[in-house]
Protein backbone atom coordinates (compact mmCIF):
# COMPACT_ATOMS: atom_id res chain seq x y z
CA MET A 1 17.35 3.47 3.33
CA VAL A 2 13.45 3.49 2.51
CA VAL A 3 11.20 1.27 3.52
CA SER A 4 7.90 -0.14 3.55
CA LEU A 5 5.98 -1.15 7.12
CA GLY A 6 3.67 -3.64 7.72
CA VAL A 7 2.35 -3.24 11.43
CA ASN A 8 0.04 -5.45 13.72
CA TRP A 9 -1.19 -4.53 16.66
CA SER A 10 -1.88 -6.59 20.43
CA ASP A 11 -1.74 -6.29 23.42
CA ASP A 12 1.81 -6.98 23.64
CA GLY A 13 2.90 -3.84 21.33
CA TRP A 14 2.71 -2.84 17.70
CA LEU A 15 4.57 -5.37 15.63
CA ALA A 16 6.72 -3.41 12.58
CA VAL A 17 7.74 -5.99 9.56
CA ALA A 18 9.86 -3.61 7.77
CA PHE A 19 10.92 -4.21 4.39
CA ASP A 20 13.51 -2.26 2.30
CA ARG A 21 14.01 -2.44 -1.67
CA THR A 22 15.58 -5.86 -1.86
CA GLY A 23 13.56 -7.61 0.98
CA PHE A 24 13.14 -8.52 4.68
CA ASP A 25 14.83 -6.25 6.68
CA HIS A 26 14.33 -6.28 9.99
CA ALA A 27 11.15 -6.33 12.65
CA ALA A 28 10.75 -4.28 16.15
CA VAL A 29 7.99 -4.23 18.39
CA PHE A 30 7.19 -0.66 20.07
CA ALA A 31 5.04 0.20 22.76
CA GLU A 32 3.38 3.38 21.51
CA VAL A 33 2.35 3.88 17.80
CA GLY A 34 4.09 7.67 18.37
CA GLU A 35 7.37 5.79 18.73
CA LEU A 36 7.30 3.57 15.73
CA TRP A 37 6.12 6.74 13.94
CA HIS A 38 9.59 8.74 15.35
CA ARG A 39 11.77 5.75 14.46
CA TYR A 40 10.44 5.27 10.85
CA GLU A 41 9.64 9.17 10.01
CA GLU A 42 12.31 9.95 7.74
CA GLN A 43 12.35 6.61 6.06
CA THR A 44 8.96 5.11 5.57
CA GLU A 45 7.10 5.90 2.44
CA GLN A 46 4.11 3.37 2.99
CA VAL A 47 3.08 1.84 6.49
CA LEU A 48 -0.44 -0.39 6.39
CA VAL A 49 -2.12 -1.21 10.07
CA ASP A 50 -4.42 -3.69 10.99
CA VAL A 51 -6.12 -0.67 12.95
CA PRO A 52 -9.38 1.28 11.30
CA ILE A 53 -8.39 4.33 9.80
CA GLY A 54 -10.96 6.77 9.74
CA LEU A 55 -14.42 7.07 12.03
CA LYS A 56 -17.96 7.36 11.72
CA GLU A 57 -19.25 10.44 14.35
CA GLY A 58 -22.72 9.05 13.87
CA SER A 59 -25.05 6.05 12.57
CA GLY A 60 -24.06 3.65 9.82
CA ASP A 61 -21.35 1.24 9.35
CA ARG A 62 -18.12 1.63 7.10
CA MET A 63 -18.51 0.12 3.73
CA CYS A 64 -14.98 -0.65 3.91
CA ASP A 65 -16.07 -3.36 6.54
CA LYS A 66 -19.15 -4.43 4.85
CA LEU A 67 -16.66 -4.52 1.39
CA ALA A 68 -14.21 -6.76 4.00
CA ARG A 69 -16.71 -8.94 5.23
CA ALA A 70 -18.41 -9.91 1.71
CA VAL A 71 -15.02 -10.74 0.72
CA LEU A 72 -14.09 -12.91 3.81
CA GLY A 73 -17.47 -14.48 3.72
CA SER A 74 -17.68 -17.05 6.20
CA ARG A 75 -14.57 -15.38 8.23
CA GLY A 76 -16.17 -11.97 7.87
CA GLY A 77 -16.37 -11.82 12.12
CA ALA A 78 -12.62 -11.22 11.74
CA VAL A 79 -13.45 -7.64 10.44
CA VAL A 80 -14.35 -5.55 13.69
CA GLU A 81 -16.15 -2.41 13.05
CA PRO A 82 -14.34 0.11 15.07
CA PRO A 83 -16.43 2.51 17.86
CA VAL A 84 -17.48 6.23 17.14
CA ARG A 85 -14.88 8.87 17.50
CA GLU A 86 -16.24 9.55 20.76
CA ALA A 87 -16.58 6.70 22.53
CA THR A 88 -13.17 5.77 21.34
CA ARG A 89 -12.19 8.09 23.81
CA LYS A 90 -13.66 6.48 26.86
CA ARG A 91 -11.67 4.44 28.95
CA ARG A 92 -14.25 2.32 30.47
CA TYR A 93 -16.80 0.33 28.80
CA PRO A 94 -19.95 1.72 30.45
CA ALA A 95 -18.99 5.07 29.50
CA ALA A 96 -18.28 3.97 25.62
CA ARG A 97 -21.47 1.60 25.59
CA ARG A 98 -23.82 5.03 26.41
CA THR A 99 -21.82 7.12 24.00
CA THR A 100 -22.22 4.63 21.30
CA GLU A 101 -26.00 4.05 21.96
CA ARG A 102 -26.38 7.82 22.44
CA ILE A 103 -24.32 9.23 18.80
CA ALA A 104 -25.14 5.69 17.03
CA ASP A 105 -28.25 4.05 18.29
CA ARG A 106 -26.69 0.98 18.37
CA ALA A 107 -24.75 -1.55 21.22
CA LEU A 108 -21.01 -1.67 21.49
CA PRO A 109 -19.38 -4.83 21.86
CA ARG A 110 -16.89 -5.59 24.77
CA GLN A 111 -14.72 -6.86 21.51
CA THR A 112 -15.15 -3.59 19.57
CA PHE A 113 -14.31 -1.73 22.97
CA LYS A 114 -10.89 -3.38 23.37
CA ILE A 115 -9.63 -1.81 20.08
CA SER A 116 -10.82 1.76 21.53
CA GLU A 117 -7.34 2.60 22.32
CA PRO A 118 -5.15 1.85 19.66
CA VAL A 119 -7.97 3.14 17.34
CA ALA A 120 -8.15 6.38 19.54
CA ALA A 121 -4.13 6.87 19.56
CA VAL A 122 -3.61 5.99 15.39
CA ASP A 123 -6.99 8.34 14.91
CA ASP A 124 -4.56 11.38 17.16
CA LEU A 125 -1.32 10.49 14.96
CA LEU A 126 -3.03 11.05 11.71
CA ARG A 127 -5.07 14.10 12.70
CA ASN A 128 -2.07 15.87 13.83
CA VAL A 129 0.73 14.49 11.90
CA PRO A 130 -0.08 15.28 8.12
CA ALA A 131 3.45 13.54 7.67
CA ALA A 132 2.31 10.48 8.75
CA ARG A 133 -1.06 11.02 7.46
CA ALA A 134 0.54 10.47 3.66
CA VAL A 135 2.04 7.46 4.09
CA PHE A 136 -0.27 5.21 6.69
CA ALA A 137 -3.20 3.51 5.43
CA GLU A 138 -5.86 0.59 7.03
CA ALA A 139 -5.63 -3.26 6.03
CA HIS A 140 -6.84 -6.13 7.41
CA PRO A 141 -4.65 -9.38 7.31
CA GLU A 142 -7.23 -11.63 6.09
CA VAL A 143 -8.33 -9.64 3.17
CA CYS A 144 -4.09 -9.28 2.41
CA LEU A 145 -3.75 -13.04 2.63
CA CYS A 146 -7.61 -13.38 0.65
CA ALA A 147 -6.04 -11.62 -2.09
CA PHE A 148 -2.67 -13.54 -2.08
CA ALA A 149 -4.61 -16.76 -2.21
CA ASP A 150 -7.39 -15.86 -4.60
CA GLY A 151 -9.68 -16.85 -1.66
CA PRO A 152 -10.50 -16.25 1.91
CA PRO A 153 -8.45 -18.09 5.25
CA GLN A 154 -11.36 -21.04 5.98
CA TYR A 155 -9.82 -21.58 9.59
CA PRO A 156 -9.14 -19.46 12.34
CA THR A 157 -5.28 -18.10 12.51
CA GLN A 158 -4.52 -19.82 15.97
CA THR A 159 -5.23 -23.47 14.48
CA ALA A 160 -2.87 -25.87 12.89
CA GLY A 161 -5.21 -25.14 9.55
CA GLY A 162 -5.46 -21.71 9.44
CA TYR A 163 -1.39 -21.73 10.04
CA ALA A 164 -1.14 -23.74 7.38
CA GLU A 165 -3.03 -21.92 4.83
CA ARG A 166 -1.52 -18.53 6.02
CA MET A 167 1.84 -19.76 5.27
CA ARG A 168 0.60 -21.37 1.96
CA ALA A 169 -0.81 -18.14 0.92
CA LEU A 170 2.08 -16.16 1.64
CA ALA A 171 4.10 -18.69 -0.03
CA SER A 172 2.16 -18.51 -3.46
CA PHE A 173 2.65 -14.17 -3.28
CA ASP A 174 6.58 -14.70 -2.76
CA THR A 175 8.80 -17.44 -2.57
CA ASP A 176 10.77 -16.01 0.11
CA ALA A 177 7.87 -15.43 2.89
CA PRO A 178 8.12 -18.85 4.64
CA PRO A 179 11.89 -18.22 5.14
CA THR A 180 10.79 -14.07 6.68
CA VAL A 181 8.35 -15.46 8.64
CA GLN A 182 10.65 -17.23 10.48
CA ARG A 183 13.47 -14.46 10.71
CA VAL A 184 10.50 -12.11 11.92
CA ALA A 185 9.87 -14.82 14.65
CA GLU A 186 12.67 -15.10 15.96
CA SER A 187 14.18 -11.45 15.77
CA VAL A 188 10.70 -11.30 18.39
CA GLY A 189 10.50 -14.17 19.88
CA GLY A 190 11.72 -12.74 23.32
CA THR A 191 9.12 -10.76 23.68
CA GLY A 192 5.52 -13.54 24.01
CA LEU A 193 3.91 -12.07 20.61
CA PRO A 194 1.84 -15.34 19.24
CA VAL A 195 2.84 -16.69 15.71
CA GLY A 196 -0.60 -15.20 14.69
CA ASP A 197 0.68 -11.58 15.07
CA VAL A 198 3.65 -12.31 12.60
CA LEU A 199 1.97 -13.80 10.22
CA ASP A 200 -0.36 -10.88 9.79
CA ALA A 201 2.34 -8.24 10.13
CA VAL A 202 4.46 -9.79 7.43
CA ALA A 203 1.30 -10.32 5.56
CA LEU A 204 0.87 -6.45 5.76
CA ALA A 205 4.42 -5.62 4.86
CA TYR A 206 4.78 -7.95 1.33
CA THR A 207 1.33 -5.62 0.71
CA ALA A 208 2.73 -2.60 1.75
CA ARG A 209 6.03 -3.47 -0.28
CA PRO A 210 6.37 -2.74 -4.25
CA GLY A 211 5.14 -5.70 -6.26
CA PRO A 212 3.47 -7.75 -8.05
CA GLY A 213 0.03 -5.92 -8.80
CA ARG A 214 -0.36 -2.63 -6.84
CA LEU A 215 -2.01 -1.44 -3.96
CA ARG A 216 -5.91 -1.19 -3.93
CA SER A 217 -8.63 -0.61 -1.41
CA LEU A 218 -12.30 -1.22 -0.69
CA PRO A 219 -13.93 0.49 -1.58
CA PRO A 220 -11.64 1.73 -4.69
CA ASP A 221 -12.16 5.84 -3.89
CA PRO A 222 -12.84 5.64 -0.19
CA PRO A 223 -15.03 7.96 1.36
CA ARG A 224 -13.50 9.91 4.31
CA ASP A 225 -15.13 10.58 7.96
CA PRO A 226 -15.60 14.19 9.01
CA LYS A 227 -11.68 14.76 9.84
CA GLY A 228 -11.34 14.19 6.18
CA LEU A 229 -9.69 11.11 6.98
CA PRO A 230 -10.32 8.14 4.41
CA MET A 231 -12.44 5.09 4.88
CA GLY A 232 -10.51 1.94 3.31
CA SER A 233 -9.17 -0.92 3.58
CA HIS A 234 -5.68 -1.62 1.27
CA TYR A 235 -4.58 -4.49 -0.43
CA ARG A 236 -2.11 -5.77 -2.97
CA ALA A 237 -3.85 -7.46 -6.56
CA VAL A 238 -3.27 -7.55 -9.90
CA ASP A 239 -7.31 -7.22 -10.29
CA PRO A 240 -9.83 -5.90 -7.70
CA LEU A 241 -11.09 -8.52 -5.18
CA GLU A 242 -14.97 -9.36 -6.45
CA THR A 243 -17.69 -8.56 -3.74
CA ALA A 244 -20.96 -9.09 -3.14
CA VAL A 245 -21.97 -5.81 -1.59
């Protein structure tokens, strides 16, 4: 069985939503991204994860983050610039902050530091496992939903309006999306995962699965970081998203 995966990371674990060639197959939660890879390495041909892939080792922002913010407009703050590579290996915020100031000559918000552990975990996996590097790619759920709906969400995910517009965006892409969201929520109902994580993982899974349009990225030809990993944010659309950058 060949599956396409959408993977959302949160403090509660790595939520994987799996589609086979006919539709939704199952959802599962993993404590570590390495466990997720071990489960699917013989089955998957595409994994889209909402964790930055490709890291800076000096000053400057990633172009994919600039473009994603431009696409999302007022919701651009949902795109978090990842820490520089060395800072992701620091366990405490003060050390990571000093490292960022020294290497990148910029501040390190606490919100950014909070994603260091999953960013480092994916970075280590892709640098050490060529087979994983061939199928993993970065995607931002808000950008994926923007591509589905021909416009970015206007409200935060956790609000009633945000939930409604994200469901509309998914349904506009696939009429089976609302019952799929329900099935995923039922599958992981005992884990305590918030519904926003379910919506994000489903959006990534539909993007990863072959379907209308094709898999594209911001920028179209992603540059590579010093370790050779591409820095691009992926989405599915017939036509490229327009950016002002």
